[in-house]
Protein backbone atom coordinates (compact mmCIF):
# COMPACT_ATOMS: atom_id res chain seq x y z
CA MET A 1 65.07 10.08 1.27
CA ALA A 2 62.75 12.46 3.14
CA SER A 3 62.10 14.71 0.15
CA ARG A 4 60.93 11.75 -1.96
CA ARG A 5 58.60 10.72 0.86
CA LYS A 6 57.11 14.23 0.91
CA GLY A 7 56.85 14.12 -2.87
CA ARG A 8 54.99 10.82 -2.76
CA ILE A 9 52.59 12.16 -0.14
CA LEU A 10 51.90 15.22 -2.30
CA ALA A 11 51.34 13.04 -5.36
CA PHE A 12 49.03 10.75 -3.39
CA GLN A 13 47.04 13.76 -2.15
CA ALA A 14 46.82 15.18 -5.67
CA LEU A 15 45.61 11.86 -7.10
CA TYR A 16 43.06 11.63 -4.31
CA CYS A 17 41.80 15.14 -5.23
CA TRP A 18 41.76 14.22 -8.91
CA ASP A 19 39.66 11.13 -8.31
CA SER A 20 37.38 12.42 -5.54
CA ASN A 21 36.77 16.00 -6.61
CA HIS A 22 37.64 15.88 -10.32
CA VAL A 23 40.29 18.58 -9.84
CA PRO A 24 41.74 19.40 -13.30
CA THR A 25 45.26 18.16 -14.00
CA GLY A 26 46.60 21.71 -14.41
CA GLU A 27 45.49 22.62 -10.89
CA LEU A 28 47.03 19.43 -9.55
CA MET A 29 50.35 20.16 -11.21
CA ASN A 30 50.62 23.72 -9.87
CA PHE A 31 49.44 22.60 -6.41
CA SER A 32 46.70 25.25 -6.28
CA TRP A 33 44.75 22.86 -4.03
CA LEU A 34 47.40 23.23 -1.30
CA GLU A 35 47.15 25.90 1.38
CA SER A 36 49.00 28.99 0.15
CA GLU A 37 51.70 28.90 2.86
CA LYS A 38 52.46 25.22 2.12
CA ARG A 39 52.55 25.94 -1.61
CA ALA A 40 54.89 28.92 -1.07
CA SER A 41 57.32 26.83 1.00
CA LEU A 42 57.28 23.82 -1.33
CA ASP A 43 60.78 22.71 -2.27
CA GLU A 44 61.29 22.60 -6.06
CA THR A 45 62.82 19.10 -5.99
CA ILE A 46 59.81 17.75 -4.10
CA ALA A 47 57.40 19.53 -6.45
CA VAL A 48 59.07 18.15 -9.58
CA PHE A 49 59.17 14.60 -8.20
CA SER A 50 55.45 14.88 -7.32
CA GLN A 51 54.57 16.29 -10.72
CA VAL A 52 56.28 13.34 -12.45
CA LEU A 53 54.25 10.90 -10.35
CA ILE A 54 50.98 12.79 -10.85
CA ALA A 55 51.36 13.28 -14.60
CA GLY A 56 52.69 9.78 -15.20
CA THR A 57 49.90 8.14 -13.25
CA ILE A 58 47.15 10.14 -14.97
CA GLU A 59 48.66 9.72 -18.45
CA ASN A 60 48.86 5.95 -17.93
CA ILE A 61 45.67 5.55 -15.88
CA LYS A 62 44.14 2.88 -18.14
CA ALA A 63 47.20 0.62 -17.94
CA VAL A 64 47.62 1.33 -14.20
CA ASP A 65 43.97 0.56 -13.41
CA ALA A 66 44.07 -2.58 -15.58
CA MET A 67 47.08 -3.83 -13.61
CA ILE A 68 45.37 -3.08 -10.29
CA LYS A 69 42.13 -4.81 -11.40
CA LYS A 70 44.12 -7.88 -12.43
CA HIS A 71 45.42 -8.19 -8.85
CA LEU A 72 42.27 -7.49 -6.85
CA GLN A 73 40.92 -10.70 -5.40
CA ASN A 74 37.15 -10.64 -4.85
CA TRP A 75 37.10 -6.84 -5.14
CA ASP A 76 35.99 -4.44 -7.80
CA ILE A 77 38.11 -1.32 -8.28
CA SER A 78 35.01 0.87 -7.95
CA ARG A 79 34.52 -0.43 -4.39
CA LEU A 80 37.99 0.53 -3.16
CA ASN A 81 38.18 3.44 -0.78
CA ARG A 82 39.70 6.51 -2.42
CA VAL A 83 42.78 6.61 -0.18
CA ASP A 84 43.75 3.03 -1.02
CA LEU A 85 43.04 3.61 -4.70
CA ALA A 86 45.22 6.75 -4.86
CA VAL A 87 48.11 4.94 -3.13
CA LEU A 88 47.72 1.90 -5.38
CA ARG A 89 47.59 4.01 -8.54
CA MET A 90 50.68 6.04 -7.71
CA SER A 91 52.65 2.98 -6.60
CA THR A 92 51.53 0.80 -9.50
CA TYR A 93 52.58 3.53 -11.93
CA THR A 94 56.00 3.60 -10.29
CA LEU A 95 56.36 -0.20 -10.36
CA MET A 96 55.32 -0.32 -14.03
CA PHE A 97 57.12 2.68 -15.47
CA GLN A 98 59.95 3.71 -13.14
CA SER A 99 62.23 0.68 -13.11
CA ASP A 100 65.06 2.77 -11.65
CA ILE A 101 63.21 2.85 -8.29
CA SER A 102 63.50 -0.30 -6.19
CA PRO A 103 60.16 -2.12 -5.83
CA SER A 104 60.83 -2.62 -2.11
CA ILE A 105 61.10 1.16 -1.65
CA VAL A 106 57.88 1.71 -3.62
CA ILE A 107 55.99 -0.82 -1.51
CA ASP A 108 57.49 0.38 1.80
CA GLU A 109 56.50 3.98 1.01
CA ALA A 110 52.99 2.89 -0.02
CA ILE A 111 52.59 1.01 3.26
CA GLY A 112 53.75 4.08 5.21
CA ILE A 113 51.32 6.39 3.40
CA SER A 114 48.51 3.86 3.89
CA LYS A 115 49.23 3.66 7.62
CA GLU A 116 49.20 7.46 7.89
CA PHE A 117 46.14 8.24 5.76
CA GLY A 118 44.16 5.01 5.37
CA THR A 119 42.11 2.73 7.57
CA ASP A 120 43.57 0.28 10.06
CA GLU A 121 43.57 -2.42 7.38
CA SER A 122 44.68 -0.29 4.41
CA PHE A 123 48.37 -1.04 4.70
CA ARG A 124 47.85 -4.81 4.64
CA PHE A 125 45.57 -4.58 1.61
CA VAL A 126 47.91 -2.21 -0.27
CA ASN A 127 50.91 -4.38 0.57
CA GLY A 128 49.21 -7.53 -0.74
CA VAL A 129 48.09 -5.95 -4.01
CA LEU A 130 51.42 -4.23 -4.69
CA ASP A 131 53.45 -7.34 -3.86
CA SER A 132 51.35 -9.32 -6.33
CA ILE A 133 51.88 -6.61 -8.98
CA ARG A 134 55.62 -6.58 -8.26
CA LYS A 135 55.82 -10.36 -8.82
CA THR A 136 53.91 -10.11 -12.09
CA ILE A 137 56.17 -7.33 -13.38
CA GLN A 138 59.30 -9.23 -12.36
CA ASN A 139 58.04 -12.36 -14.12
CA GLU A 140 57.21 -10.40 -17.29
CA CYS A 141 60.54 -8.55 -17.32
CA PRO A 142 63.12 -10.58 -15.37
CA SER A 143 66.23 -8.63 -14.49
CA PRO A 144 69.41 -9.69 -16.33
CA SER A 145 71.71 -12.00 -14.39
């Protein structure tokens, strides 16, 4: 769904701002960091979806970061570039706490955002980490047969 994609991009951008520039959560949630014409034309459905991702990720940041750290091989979370970290945080939050969203959709969207905003290798890295997280979550909470 195109509006969810836009919502994920907004949430990713907000989390990037939060981490890089220490933008307060209130400013993130009202999108004051967006250009005024983009903010004025922002669809309410997209805004609400983004706000859920932003707030949920920040509220659960310790658990989200712990899960990411557990799945980084030979990397320290502090060494990750900020784009990859923002995508991983948002997507890990979704995998952990929004079980109504298919993991394949979460990972596909993360790959797309990584290709658009990250380095040439970002999407491969993000895919590997998120796939490992997905497997761990599925093993911890297998779906009923």
